[in-house]
Amino acid sequence: MTILLFLLVVSLIIAALGLAAFLWSLRTGQYDDLDGAANRILFDDD
């Protein structure tokens, strides 16, 4: 029974870290320009 509690705590910590990383990426603007890279590959800058 103790191992189940340990695994529950570990999984909650990992989930919290994943949520924190996702919220950090939202705040720093990682998802602002989703189409830019897709369009940039089609056109030359020459």
C-alpha atoms as a PDB file:
ATOM      1  CA  MET A   1       0.000   0.000   0.000  1.00  0.00           C
ATOM      2  CA  THR A   2       2.888   2.341   0.672  1.00  0.00           C
ATOM      3  CA  ILE A   3       4.205   1.935  -2.866  1.00  0.00           C
ATOM      4  CA  LEU A   4       0.866   3.120  -4.259  1.00  0.00           C
ATOM      5  CA  LEU A   5       1.050   6.305  -2.226  1.00  0.00           C
ATOM      6  CA  PHE A   6       4.640   6.828  -3.317  1.00  0.00           C
ATOM      7  CA  LEU A   7       3.749   6.338  -6.978  1.00  0.00           C
ATOM      8  CA  LEU A   8       0.780   8.676  -6.639  1.00  0.00           C
ATOM      9  CA  VAL A   9       2.957  11.435  -5.208  1.00  0.00           C
ATOM     10  CA  VAL A  10       5.620  10.920  -7.882  1.00  0.00           C
ATOM     11  CA  SER A  11       3.045  11.019 -10.688  1.00  0.00           C
ATOM     12  CA  LEU A  12       1.490  14.200  -9.305  1.00  0.00           C
ATOM     13  CA  ILE A  13       4.912  15.844  -9.134  1.00  0.00           C
ATOM     14  CA  ILE A  14       5.671  14.864 -12.734  1.00  0.00           C
ATOM     15  CA  ALA A  15       2.269  16.155 -13.873  1.00  0.00           C
ATOM     16  CA  ALA A  16       2.861  19.444 -12.047  1.00  0.00           C
ATOM     17  CA  LEU A  17       6.253  19.829 -13.729  1.00  0.00           C
ATOM     18  CA  GLY A  18       4.700  19.184 -17.136  1.00  0.00           C
ATOM     19  CA  LEU A  19       1.982  21.744 -16.486  1.00  0.00           C
ATOM     20  CA  ALA A  20       4.551  24.270 -15.306  1.00  0.00           C
ATOM     21  CA  ALA A  21       6.626  23.738 -18.466  1.00  0.00           C
ATOM     22  CA  PHE A  22       3.542  24.175 -20.645  1.00  0.00           C
ATOM     23  CA  LEU A  23       2.496  27.371 -18.875  1.00  0.00           C
ATOM     24  CA  TRP A  24       6.048  28.719 -19.146  1.00  0.00           C
ATOM     25  CA  SER A  25       6.035  28.059 -22.900  1.00  0.00           C
ATOM     26  CA  LEU A  26       2.721  29.884 -23.236  1.00  0.00           C
ATOM     27  CA  ARG A  27       4.014  32.909 -21.323  1.00  0.00           C
ATOM     28  CA  THR A  28       7.236  33.145 -23.319  1.00  0.00           C
ATOM     29  CA  GLY A  29       5.415  33.114 -26.657  1.00  0.00           C
ATOM     30  CA  GLN A  30       6.441  29.737 -28.028  1.00  0.00           C
ATOM     31  CA  TYR A  31       3.071  29.260 -29.744  1.00  0.00           C
ATOM     32  CA  ASP A  32       2.614  32.755 -31.177  1.00  0.00           C
ATOM     33  CA  ASP A  33       3.598  32.073 -34.802  1.00  0.00           C
ATOM     34  CA  LEU A  34       2.477  28.581 -35.794  1.00  0.00           C
ATOM     35  CA  ASP A  35       2.350  29.213 -39.556  1.00  0.00           C
ATOM     36  CA  GLY A  36       5.585  31.159 -39.888  1.00  0.00           C
ATOM     37  CA  ALA A  37       7.951  28.212 -40.162  1.00  0.00           C
ATOM     38  CA  ALA A  38       5.600  26.375 -42.524  1.00  0.00           C
ATOM     39  CA  ASN A  39       5.429  29.362 -44.871  1.00  0.00           C
ATOM     40  CA  ARG A  40       9.113  30.270 -44.550  1.00  0.00           C
ATOM     41  CA  ILE A  41      10.249  26.979 -46.048  1.00  0.00           C
ATOM     42  CA  LEU A  42       8.245  27.598 -49.225  1.00  0.00           C
ATOM     43  CA  PHE A  43       9.754  30.973 -50.146  1.00  0.00           C
ATOM     44  CA  ASP A  44      13.365  31.918 -50.905  1.00  0.00           C
ATOM     45  CA  ASP A  45      14.812  35.119 -49.497  1.00  0.00           C
ATOM     46  CA  ASP A  46      17.186  35.623 -52.427  1.00  0.00           C
END
